Amino acid sequence: MKQIVYHVVVPAIMPVQFFAVASSPVEVLGCLTRGLIALLIAIVSGLAALGAVIIGTKRRAHNNQNAIWWVISSVILVIPVIAIIILA
């Protein structure tokens, strides 16, 4: 249960924030502000995904059974990056 929270629920906050900002009306934040916030969320999420990949690779090299959780985290964290590429 602890690993599900750490590796699924916590990383899922980034895609939720991204889509909340991206789907908000222009009148709420303005077009420029909304785009910059979405870009910032995507960059932070991408860097976190890169960190998760590095940690997962190191753990995989040491034959750690928990390395798959880091792969799951990186897949979840890369969603905003893919979404901003598609939306741009």
Protein backbone atom coordinates (compact mmCIF):
# COMPACT_ATOMS: atom_id res chain seq x y z
CA MET A 1 0.00 0.00 0.00
CA LYS A 2 2.84 2.36 0.82
CA GLN A 3 4.45 1.83 -2.58
CA ILE A 4 1.18 2.45 -4.38
CA VAL A 5 0.86 5.80 -2.64
CA TYR A 6 4.48 6.80 -3.29
CA HIS A 7 4.78 5.56 -6.87
CA VAL A 8 1.27 5.95 -8.28
CA VAL A 9 -0.79 8.45 -6.31
CA VAL A 10 1.90 11.10 -5.70
CA PRO A 11 3.18 11.14 -9.32
CA ALA A 12 -0.43 11.25 -10.55
CA ILE A 13 -0.73 14.73 -9.03
CA MET A 14 1.31 16.21 -11.90
CA PRO A 15 -0.96 15.04 -14.76
CA VAL A 16 -4.03 16.09 -12.77
CA GLN A 17 -2.59 19.57 -12.25
CA PHE A 18 -1.58 19.81 -15.90
CA PHE A 19 -5.00 18.89 -17.23
CA ALA A 20 -6.71 21.12 -14.67
CA VAL A 21 -4.70 24.11 -15.91
CA ALA A 22 -5.03 23.15 -19.57
CA SER A 23 -8.78 22.72 -19.36
CA SER A 24 -9.44 25.87 -17.33
CA PRO A 25 -11.23 28.68 -19.15
CA VAL A 26 -9.13 31.48 -20.61
CA GLU A 27 -11.05 34.01 -18.52
CA VAL A 28 -9.74 32.46 -15.28
CA LEU A 29 -5.98 32.67 -15.83
CA GLY A 30 -5.50 34.31 -19.18
CA CYS A 31 -4.00 32.67 -22.22
CA LEU A 32 -0.33 33.46 -21.59
CA THR A 33 -0.41 32.61 -17.89
CA ARG A 34 -2.24 29.37 -18.51
CA GLY A 35 0.26 28.31 -21.16
CA LEU A 36 3.27 29.19 -19.01
CA ILE A 37 1.90 27.32 -16.01
CA ALA A 38 1.17 24.26 -18.17
CA LEU A 39 4.68 24.45 -19.63
CA LEU A 40 6.21 24.73 -16.16
CA ILE A 41 4.23 21.73 -14.92
CA ALA A 42 5.31 19.71 -17.97
CA ILE A 43 8.99 20.62 -17.48
CA VAL A 44 8.96 19.76 -13.77
CA SER A 45 7.14 16.53 -14.50
CA GLY A 46 9.63 15.64 -17.23
CA LEU A 47 12.57 16.25 -14.92
CA ALA A 48 10.93 14.13 -12.23
CA ALA A 49 10.35 11.38 -14.80
CA LEU A 50 14.01 11.55 -15.79
CA GLY A 51 15.00 11.22 -12.14
CA ALA A 52 12.68 8.25 -11.72
CA VAL A 53 14.19 6.58 -14.78
CA ILE A 54 17.71 7.06 -13.40
CA ILE A 55 16.76 5.67 -9.99
CA GLY A 56 14.92 2.74 -11.60
CA THR A 57 17.90 1.95 -13.82
CA LYS A 58 20.27 1.95 -10.86
CA ARG A 59 17.95 -0.26 -8.85
CA ARG A 60 17.48 -2.59 -11.82
CA ALA A 61 21.27 -2.94 -12.17
CA HIS A 62 21.42 -4.10 -8.55
CA ASN A 63 18.59 -6.61 -9.12
CA ASN A 64 16.21 -4.81 -6.79
CA GLN A 65 12.66 -6.13 -7.02
CA ASN A 66 11.19 -2.67 -6.43
CA ALA A 67 12.66 -1.20 -9.62
CA ILE A 68 9.40 -1.72 -11.50
CA TRP A 69 7.71 0.85 -9.24
CA TRP A 70 10.12 3.51 -10.52
CA VAL A 71 9.21 2.60 -14.09
CA ILE A 72 5.53 3.02 -13.23
CA SER A 73 6.29 6.41 -11.69
CA SER A 74 8.18 7.56 -14.77
CA VAL A 75 5.36 6.48 -17.09
CA ILE A 76 2.86 8.47 -15.03
CA LEU A 77 5.15 11.51 -14.84
CA VAL A 78 5.76 11.62 -18.59
CA ILE A 79 2.04 12.09 -19.38
CA PRO A 80 2.14 15.92 -19.18
CA VAL A 81 5.20 16.03 -21.43
CA ILE A 82 3.46 13.97 -24.08
CA ALA A 83 0.28 16.03 -23.68
CA ILE A 84 2.07 19.33 -24.17
CA ILE A 85 3.76 18.00 -27.30
CA ILE A 86 0.38 16.93 -28.68
CA LEU A 87 -1.35 20.18 -27.69
CA ALA A 88 1.40 22.44 -29.01
